[in-house]
């Protein structure tokens, strides 16, 4: 999807055009949900990721068309809204409970899949590093866009990404770990 098409879809969505909203949702929802899961992992609340993204998309629908026309980069803007919604959700959960228990995955027969092993390794990263990895690889954002979403310097985003990949490589040194994926990610910078 070209950037100009995304902007048109966004403005048309704000004007109540249902087909534009569906196209925008279809294009961004899977990546936004993956990002929200990463943010919510520290509280074991990944199951709320879709709700967080729905709340963010409702905020888009409540935004005036004039404001939507000012959005230059739709992707980073949407990730920022999802980030704010996820952080608000986490604050609300913390107020409701002092600490959530992290649900253990159901017993599996045999070793966990490579995807599951990688997902757990990413969730074990410090939250600032996991967030950058998610934005970079699930979201497909550049370091400049990540810096914009997180309101940090580009160099900080890049160094968090590098540290995270080093930690993942270290955590996934088991023979059946998906090292090829991690190595491919490292070279994708």
Foldseek 3Di string as FASTA:
>chain_A
DDQVLLLVLLLVVLVPDPVSLVVNCVVQVQLQLLLLLLLCLVQLVSVCSNVLLVVLSVVSNVDHSVVSNVDRGVLLVSSLSSNVSSVVVVVVVCVVPVGHDNDDDPDDPDDDALVVQLVVLLSPDPSVLSSLCSCVPSVVDQLVSVCVSVVHDSVVSVVSPVVSLVSSCVSQVPPNHPVVVSVVVVVVD
